[in-house]
Amino acid sequence: MLTVGVWENGVMKEEYLYWDNQALMKQIGLAQ
């Protein structure tokens, strides 16, 4: 699992969870 947080002024305002690498690759456009 991968977590990606978006921080602003020391506060996490957004967090994304990716449960597997294939989903992540599709999300960022490296896999079809």
Foldseek 3Di string as FASTA:
>chain_A
DDKDFDDDPRDTPDIDDDPDVVVVCVVVVNDD
